N, C-alpha and C. Protein backbone atom coordinates (compact mmCIF):
# COMPACT_ATOMS: atom_id res chain seq x y z
N MET A 1 15.42 14.59 -11.77
CA MET A 1 14.22 14.63 -12.58
C MET A 1 12.98 14.46 -11.72
N LYS A 2 13.04 13.52 -10.77
CA LYS A 2 11.90 13.28 -9.90
C LYS A 2 11.59 14.51 -9.05
N ILE A 3 12.64 15.21 -8.61
CA ILE A 3 12.44 16.42 -7.81
C ILE A 3 11.77 17.49 -8.66
N LEU A 4 12.21 17.65 -9.90
CA LEU A 4 11.58 18.62 -10.80
C LEU A 4 10.10 18.32 -10.97
N HIS A 5 9.79 17.02 -11.13
CA HIS A 5 8.40 16.63 -11.35
C HIS A 5 7.56 16.77 -10.08
N ASP A 6 8.04 16.26 -8.95
CA ASP A 6 7.26 16.24 -7.72
C ASP A 6 7.20 17.58 -7.00
N CYS A 7 8.31 18.29 -6.95
CA CYS A 7 8.36 19.53 -6.16
C CYS A 7 7.97 20.76 -6.98
N ILE A 8 8.48 20.85 -8.18
CA ILE A 8 8.25 22.05 -8.98
C ILE A 8 7.10 21.83 -9.98
N HIS A 9 6.61 20.60 -10.08
CA HIS A 9 5.47 20.24 -10.93
C HIS A 9 5.73 20.47 -12.42
N ILE A 10 6.92 20.11 -12.84
CA ILE A 10 7.25 20.16 -14.26
C ILE A 10 6.92 18.79 -14.84
N ARG A 11 6.21 18.78 -15.95
CA ARG A 11 5.81 17.51 -16.56
C ARG A 11 7.02 16.83 -17.21
N TYR A 12 6.90 15.48 -17.35
CA TYR A 12 8.01 14.70 -17.90
C TYR A 12 8.36 15.15 -19.31
N ARG A 13 7.38 15.51 -20.13
CA ARG A 13 7.67 15.97 -21.49
C ARG A 13 8.44 17.29 -21.47
N GLN A 14 8.14 18.14 -20.51
CA GLN A 14 8.88 19.40 -20.37
C GLN A 14 10.31 19.12 -19.93
N ILE A 15 10.48 18.14 -19.05
CA ILE A 15 11.83 17.76 -18.62
C ILE A 15 12.62 17.23 -19.82
N GLU A 16 11.97 16.44 -20.67
CA GLU A 16 12.63 15.92 -21.88
C GLU A 16 13.09 17.09 -22.76
N GLY A 17 12.22 18.08 -22.97
CA GLY A 17 12.58 19.24 -23.79
C GLY A 17 13.72 20.04 -23.18
N PHE A 18 13.68 20.19 -21.86
CA PHE A 18 14.74 20.91 -21.16
C PHE A 18 16.08 20.20 -21.34
N LEU A 19 16.09 18.87 -21.19
CA LEU A 19 17.34 18.11 -21.33
C LEU A 19 17.84 18.14 -22.78
N ARG A 20 16.93 18.13 -23.75
CA ARG A 20 17.35 18.23 -25.16
C ARG A 20 18.00 19.59 -25.43
N ALA A 21 17.40 20.64 -24.89
CA ALA A 21 17.99 21.98 -25.08
C ALA A 21 19.33 22.08 -24.38
N LEU A 22 19.44 21.48 -23.20
CA LEU A 22 20.68 21.50 -22.44
C LEU A 22 21.77 20.71 -23.17
N SER A 23 21.38 19.63 -23.85
CA SER A 23 22.36 18.79 -24.55
C SER A 23 23.00 19.52 -25.75
N LYS A 24 22.38 20.57 -26.23
CA LYS A 24 22.98 21.36 -27.31
C LYS A 24 24.20 22.12 -26.81
N TYR A 25 24.17 22.52 -25.54
CA TYR A 25 25.26 23.30 -24.95
C TYR A 25 26.28 22.43 -24.24
N ILE A 26 25.83 21.27 -23.75
CA ILE A 26 26.74 20.34 -23.08
C ILE A 26 26.70 19.03 -23.88
N PRO A 27 27.69 18.79 -24.72
CA PRO A 27 27.64 17.66 -25.64
C PRO A 27 27.62 16.28 -24.96
N ASN A 28 28.10 16.16 -23.74
CA ASN A 28 28.14 14.85 -23.06
C ASN A 28 26.78 14.41 -22.53
N ILE A 29 25.81 15.32 -22.48
CA ILE A 29 24.48 14.96 -21.97
C ILE A 29 23.63 14.47 -23.13
N LYS A 30 23.11 13.26 -22.97
CA LYS A 30 22.19 12.72 -23.97
C LYS A 30 20.80 12.70 -23.33
N ALA A 31 19.85 13.37 -23.95
CA ALA A 31 18.51 13.50 -23.37
C ALA A 31 17.72 12.20 -23.56
N PRO A 32 17.23 11.61 -22.47
CA PRO A 32 16.38 10.43 -22.59
C PRO A 32 14.98 10.82 -23.07
N SER A 33 14.23 9.85 -23.56
CA SER A 33 12.88 10.12 -24.03
C SER A 33 11.93 10.29 -22.84
N PHE A 34 10.74 10.79 -23.14
CA PHE A 34 9.71 10.98 -22.11
C PHE A 34 9.42 9.69 -21.38
N SER A 35 9.23 8.60 -22.13
CA SER A 35 8.87 7.33 -21.49
C SER A 35 10.01 6.80 -20.61
N GLN A 36 11.25 7.00 -21.02
CA GLN A 36 12.39 6.56 -20.21
C GLN A 36 12.49 7.39 -18.92
N ILE A 37 12.25 8.69 -19.03
CA ILE A 37 12.26 9.54 -17.84
C ILE A 37 11.18 9.08 -16.87
N ARG A 38 9.98 8.82 -17.39
CA ARG A 38 8.86 8.39 -16.55
C ARG A 38 9.15 7.05 -15.87
N ARG A 39 9.67 6.09 -16.64
CA ARG A 39 9.98 4.76 -16.07
C ARG A 39 11.01 4.87 -14.96
N ARG A 40 12.02 5.68 -15.17
CA ARG A 40 13.06 5.85 -14.14
C ARG A 40 12.50 6.55 -12.90
N ALA A 41 11.67 7.57 -13.11
CA ALA A 41 11.11 8.32 -11.99
C ALA A 41 10.18 7.46 -11.14
N ILE A 42 9.44 6.57 -11.76
CA ILE A 42 8.53 5.69 -11.02
C ILE A 42 9.32 4.74 -10.12
N LYS A 43 10.47 4.28 -10.59
CA LYS A 43 11.27 3.33 -9.81
C LYS A 43 11.96 3.97 -8.61
N ILE A 44 12.15 5.28 -8.65
CA ILE A 44 12.85 5.96 -7.55
C ILE A 44 11.95 6.01 -6.33
N GLU A 45 12.46 5.54 -5.21
CA GLU A 45 11.72 5.63 -3.97
C GLU A 45 12.38 6.68 -3.08
N ILE A 46 11.55 7.51 -2.48
CA ILE A 46 12.07 8.51 -1.56
C ILE A 46 12.30 7.82 -0.22
N PRO A 47 13.52 7.86 0.31
CA PRO A 47 13.82 7.15 1.56
C PRO A 47 13.16 7.81 2.77
N LEU A 48 11.99 7.33 3.14
CA LEU A 48 11.24 7.89 4.25
C LEU A 48 11.94 7.77 5.60
N PRO A 49 12.60 6.65 5.92
CA PRO A 49 13.25 6.54 7.23
C PRO A 49 14.30 7.61 7.51
N LYS A 50 14.99 8.07 6.48
CA LYS A 50 16.03 9.08 6.67
C LYS A 50 15.45 10.44 7.04
N THR A 51 14.17 10.66 6.75
CA THR A 51 13.55 11.95 7.03
C THR A 51 12.93 12.01 8.42
N LEU A 52 12.81 10.87 9.10
CA LEU A 52 12.12 10.83 10.40
C LEU A 52 13.07 11.15 11.55
N LYS A 53 12.53 11.82 12.56
CA LYS A 53 13.31 12.12 13.76
C LYS A 53 13.51 10.84 14.54
N GLU A 54 14.72 10.65 15.07
CA GLU A 54 14.99 9.47 15.87
C GLU A 54 14.59 9.73 17.31
N SER A 55 13.90 8.76 17.90
CA SER A 55 13.44 8.90 19.27
C SER A 55 13.25 7.51 19.87
N ASN A 56 13.53 7.39 21.15
CA ASN A 56 13.33 6.11 21.84
C ASN A 56 11.94 6.02 22.47
N GLU A 57 11.18 7.09 22.39
CA GLU A 57 9.85 7.10 22.97
C GLU A 57 8.89 6.22 22.16
N ASP A 58 7.86 5.70 22.86
CA ASP A 58 6.81 4.95 22.17
C ASP A 58 6.02 5.91 21.30
N PHE A 59 5.42 5.36 20.24
CA PHE A 59 4.66 6.25 19.38
C PHE A 59 3.31 5.65 19.00
N VAL A 60 2.38 6.54 18.70
CA VAL A 60 1.02 6.18 18.31
C VAL A 60 0.82 6.71 16.90
N ILE A 61 0.19 5.90 16.03
CA ILE A 61 -0.06 6.36 14.66
C ILE A 61 -1.55 6.55 14.43
N ALA A 62 -1.87 7.53 13.60
CA ALA A 62 -3.23 7.76 13.13
C ALA A 62 -3.25 7.41 11.65
N VAL A 63 -4.25 6.62 11.23
CA VAL A 63 -4.32 6.14 9.86
C VAL A 63 -5.60 6.66 9.21
N ASP A 64 -5.49 7.17 7.99
CA ASP A 64 -6.67 7.59 7.24
C ASP A 64 -6.32 7.58 5.75
N SER A 65 -7.35 7.76 4.92
CA SER A 65 -7.11 7.79 3.49
C SER A 65 -7.99 8.84 2.84
N SER A 66 -7.63 9.19 1.63
CA SER A 66 -8.39 10.18 0.88
C SER A 66 -8.32 9.83 -0.60
N GLY A 67 -9.41 10.07 -1.31
CA GLY A 67 -9.44 9.81 -2.75
C GLY A 67 -9.00 11.03 -3.53
N VAL A 68 -8.31 10.78 -4.62
CA VAL A 68 -7.82 11.86 -5.47
C VAL A 68 -8.22 11.54 -6.90
N LYS A 69 -8.85 12.48 -7.58
CA LYS A 69 -9.24 12.30 -8.97
C LYS A 69 -7.99 12.35 -9.84
N VAL A 70 -7.88 11.44 -10.78
CA VAL A 70 -6.69 11.37 -11.61
C VAL A 70 -6.56 12.59 -12.52
N ALA A 71 -7.63 12.92 -13.25
CA ALA A 71 -7.59 14.07 -14.15
C ALA A 71 -9.01 14.49 -14.51
N ASN A 72 -9.18 15.74 -14.89
CA ASN A 72 -10.47 16.23 -15.35
C ASN A 72 -10.61 16.16 -16.86
N ARG A 73 -9.54 15.80 -17.53
CA ARG A 73 -9.53 15.75 -18.98
C ARG A 73 -10.61 14.79 -19.49
N GLY A 74 -11.41 15.22 -20.44
CA GLY A 74 -12.45 14.38 -21.01
C GLY A 74 -13.65 14.17 -20.10
N GLU A 75 -13.82 15.04 -19.13
CA GLU A 75 -14.89 14.89 -18.14
C GLU A 75 -16.27 14.93 -18.80
N TRP A 76 -16.46 15.79 -19.77
CA TRP A 76 -17.77 15.91 -20.40
C TRP A 76 -18.13 14.65 -21.18
N ILE A 77 -17.14 13.95 -21.74
CA ILE A 77 -17.40 12.70 -22.45
C ILE A 77 -17.86 11.62 -21.48
N ARG A 78 -17.20 11.55 -20.33
CA ARG A 78 -17.61 10.57 -19.31
C ARG A 78 -19.02 10.88 -18.81
N HIS A 79 -19.33 12.16 -18.66
CA HIS A 79 -20.66 12.55 -18.21
C HIS A 79 -21.71 12.18 -19.27
N LYS A 80 -21.41 12.46 -20.51
CA LYS A 80 -22.35 12.21 -21.60
C LYS A 80 -22.62 10.72 -21.77
N TRP A 81 -21.58 9.91 -21.75
CA TRP A 81 -21.71 8.48 -22.01
C TRP A 81 -21.81 7.65 -20.73
N LYS A 82 -21.90 8.31 -19.58
CA LYS A 82 -22.05 7.63 -18.28
C LYS A 82 -20.90 6.65 -18.01
N VAL A 83 -19.70 7.05 -18.41
CA VAL A 83 -18.51 6.23 -18.19
C VAL A 83 -17.88 6.69 -16.88
N ARG A 84 -17.64 5.76 -15.99
CA ARG A 84 -17.10 6.10 -14.69
C ARG A 84 -15.58 5.93 -14.71
N LYS A 85 -14.87 6.98 -14.33
CA LYS A 85 -13.42 6.90 -14.24
C LYS A 85 -13.02 6.77 -12.78
N GLY A 86 -12.06 5.94 -12.50
CA GLY A 86 -11.66 5.66 -11.13
C GLY A 86 -10.90 6.76 -10.44
N TRP A 87 -10.61 6.53 -9.19
CA TRP A 87 -9.88 7.45 -8.34
C TRP A 87 -8.61 6.76 -7.85
N ILE A 88 -7.68 7.56 -7.40
CA ILE A 88 -6.51 7.04 -6.71
C ILE A 88 -6.78 7.28 -5.23
N LYS A 89 -6.48 6.30 -4.41
CA LYS A 89 -6.70 6.44 -2.98
C LYS A 89 -5.33 6.44 -2.28
N VAL A 90 -5.09 7.46 -1.47
CA VAL A 90 -3.83 7.59 -0.75
C VAL A 90 -4.09 7.26 0.72
N HIS A 91 -3.43 6.21 1.22
CA HIS A 91 -3.56 5.79 2.62
C HIS A 91 -2.30 6.27 3.35
N ILE A 92 -2.50 6.98 4.46
CA ILE A 92 -1.37 7.58 5.17
C ILE A 92 -1.43 7.23 6.66
N ALA A 93 -0.26 6.93 7.23
CA ALA A 93 -0.12 6.75 8.68
C ALA A 93 0.80 7.85 9.20
N VAL A 94 0.34 8.55 10.25
CA VAL A 94 1.07 9.69 10.80
C VAL A 94 1.37 9.45 12.27
N ASP A 95 2.59 9.80 12.70
CA ASP A 95 2.94 9.76 14.11
C ASP A 95 2.18 10.90 14.80
N VAL A 96 1.37 10.57 15.79
CA VAL A 96 0.51 11.55 16.44
C VAL A 96 1.31 12.64 17.15
N ASN A 97 2.40 12.29 17.77
CA ASN A 97 3.19 13.26 18.55
C ASN A 97 4.00 14.20 17.67
N THR A 98 4.74 13.65 16.71
CA THR A 98 5.64 14.48 15.90
C THR A 98 5.00 15.00 14.62
N LYS A 99 3.82 14.46 14.27
CA LYS A 99 3.08 14.83 13.04
C LYS A 99 3.84 14.46 11.77
N GLU A 100 4.72 13.46 11.86
CA GLU A 100 5.49 13.00 10.70
C GLU A 100 4.75 11.87 10.01
N VAL A 101 4.79 11.85 8.70
CA VAL A 101 4.23 10.74 7.93
C VAL A 101 5.19 9.56 8.07
N VAL A 102 4.70 8.42 8.59
CA VAL A 102 5.56 7.27 8.81
C VAL A 102 5.34 6.17 7.78
N SER A 103 4.22 6.19 7.06
CA SER A 103 4.04 5.26 5.94
C SER A 103 2.94 5.75 5.01
N VAL A 104 3.09 5.40 3.73
CA VAL A 104 2.15 5.82 2.69
C VAL A 104 1.92 4.65 1.75
N GLU A 105 0.69 4.44 1.35
CA GLU A 105 0.33 3.43 0.34
C GLU A 105 -0.62 4.10 -0.66
N ILE A 106 -0.50 3.75 -1.93
CA ILE A 106 -1.39 4.28 -2.95
C ILE A 106 -2.08 3.11 -3.64
N THR A 107 -3.42 3.17 -3.70
CA THR A 107 -4.21 2.11 -4.32
C THR A 107 -5.30 2.73 -5.19
N ASP A 108 -6.15 1.90 -5.76
CA ASP A 108 -7.32 2.43 -6.46
C ASP A 108 -8.48 2.53 -5.48
N GLU A 109 -9.62 3.04 -5.95
CA GLU A 109 -10.72 3.34 -5.04
C GLU A 109 -11.40 2.11 -4.46
N SER A 110 -11.13 0.93 -4.99
CA SER A 110 -11.81 -0.27 -4.52
C SER A 110 -11.21 -0.84 -3.23
N VAL A 111 -10.03 -0.41 -2.85
CA VAL A 111 -9.37 -0.95 -1.66
C VAL A 111 -9.78 -0.13 -0.43
N GLY A 112 -10.27 -0.82 0.58
CA GLY A 112 -10.73 -0.15 1.80
C GLY A 112 -9.61 0.12 2.78
N ASP A 113 -9.91 0.96 3.77
CA ASP A 113 -8.93 1.33 4.79
C ASP A 113 -8.51 0.13 5.63
N GLY A 114 -9.49 -0.71 5.98
CA GLY A 114 -9.20 -1.87 6.83
C GLY A 114 -8.22 -2.84 6.20
N LYS A 115 -8.30 -2.99 4.90
CA LYS A 115 -7.41 -3.91 4.18
C LYS A 115 -5.96 -3.39 4.18
N MET A 116 -5.80 -2.07 4.17
CA MET A 116 -4.46 -1.47 4.10
C MET A 116 -3.83 -1.27 5.48
N LEU A 117 -4.61 -1.38 6.55
CA LEU A 117 -4.10 -1.11 7.89
C LEU A 117 -2.88 -1.97 8.26
N PRO A 118 -2.92 -3.30 8.08
CA PRO A 118 -1.73 -4.09 8.43
C PRO A 118 -0.47 -3.67 7.68
N SER A 119 -0.63 -3.37 6.40
CA SER A 119 0.51 -2.95 5.58
C SER A 119 1.06 -1.60 6.07
N LEU A 120 0.19 -0.67 6.41
CA LEU A 120 0.62 0.64 6.89
C LEU A 120 1.35 0.52 8.22
N VAL A 121 0.84 -0.35 9.12
CA VAL A 121 1.49 -0.55 10.42
C VAL A 121 2.86 -1.18 10.24
N GLU A 122 2.96 -2.18 9.34
CA GLU A 122 4.26 -2.83 9.07
C GLU A 122 5.27 -1.83 8.53
N LYS A 123 4.85 -0.99 7.58
CA LYS A 123 5.77 0.01 7.02
C LYS A 123 6.17 1.05 8.06
N ALA A 124 5.22 1.43 8.92
CA ALA A 124 5.53 2.39 9.99
C ALA A 124 6.57 1.79 10.93
N GLU A 125 6.41 0.51 11.24
CA GLU A 125 7.37 -0.18 12.11
C GLU A 125 8.74 -0.22 11.46
N LYS A 126 8.77 -0.53 10.18
CA LYS A 126 10.05 -0.61 9.45
C LYS A 126 10.71 0.77 9.37
N ASN A 127 9.92 1.81 9.07
CA ASN A 127 10.48 3.16 8.91
C ASN A 127 10.93 3.78 10.22
N LYS A 128 10.20 3.55 11.30
CA LYS A 128 10.56 4.12 12.61
C LYS A 128 11.55 3.25 13.36
N GLY A 129 11.64 1.96 13.00
CA GLY A 129 12.57 1.07 13.67
C GLY A 129 11.99 0.42 14.92
N LYS A 130 10.72 0.63 15.18
CA LYS A 130 10.06 -0.01 16.32
C LYS A 130 8.56 -0.06 16.05
N LYS A 131 7.89 -0.90 16.81
CA LYS A 131 6.47 -1.11 16.62
C LYS A 131 5.65 0.01 17.30
N PRO A 132 4.60 0.51 16.62
CA PRO A 132 3.76 1.50 17.28
C PRO A 132 2.95 0.89 18.40
N ASN A 133 2.72 1.66 19.48
CA ASN A 133 1.94 1.17 20.61
C ASN A 133 0.47 1.03 20.25
N LYS A 134 -0.01 1.94 19.43
CA LYS A 134 -1.43 2.00 19.15
C LYS A 134 -1.62 2.56 17.76
N ALA A 135 -2.70 2.14 17.09
CA ALA A 135 -3.07 2.70 15.79
C ALA A 135 -4.49 3.24 15.90
N ILE A 136 -4.68 4.49 15.57
CA ILE A 136 -5.99 5.13 15.60
C ILE A 136 -6.49 5.21 14.17
N ALA A 137 -7.72 4.72 13.94
CA ALA A 137 -8.27 4.75 12.59
C ALA A 137 -9.78 4.96 12.67
N ASP A 138 -10.36 5.45 11.58
CA ASP A 138 -11.80 5.59 11.53
C ASP A 138 -12.42 4.28 11.03
N GLY A 139 -13.76 4.19 11.08
CA GLY A 139 -14.57 3.03 10.69
C GLY A 139 -13.82 2.02 9.90
């Protein structure tokens, strides 16, 4: 279900409908509700360490973040009533040599890059199995 949602961009409600239709043909499948699908998908973690190349060489990470708007839905209402809707901020650490993502954190727009740096370095160390020699980051 998580692969359908993340890779093919099928919404959870569409997955629910698909499973209900499938359950008509395969009686042993019971379709979970939208909220149950969503709760289960959120708990699933993609195992990042298994995707990384193994190497004994030292590595350097580059850290940066970017803001992502949650949705455009209701944008004119927010504009009219001067209501500010928040952003999601994605903090990423990348191995400079292999260009692999070694750690990811998601926060709201109020969290700065400097505050997330220790956490990103710790996760990179855990995922790669060794400590990075250097971390490159902006301001």
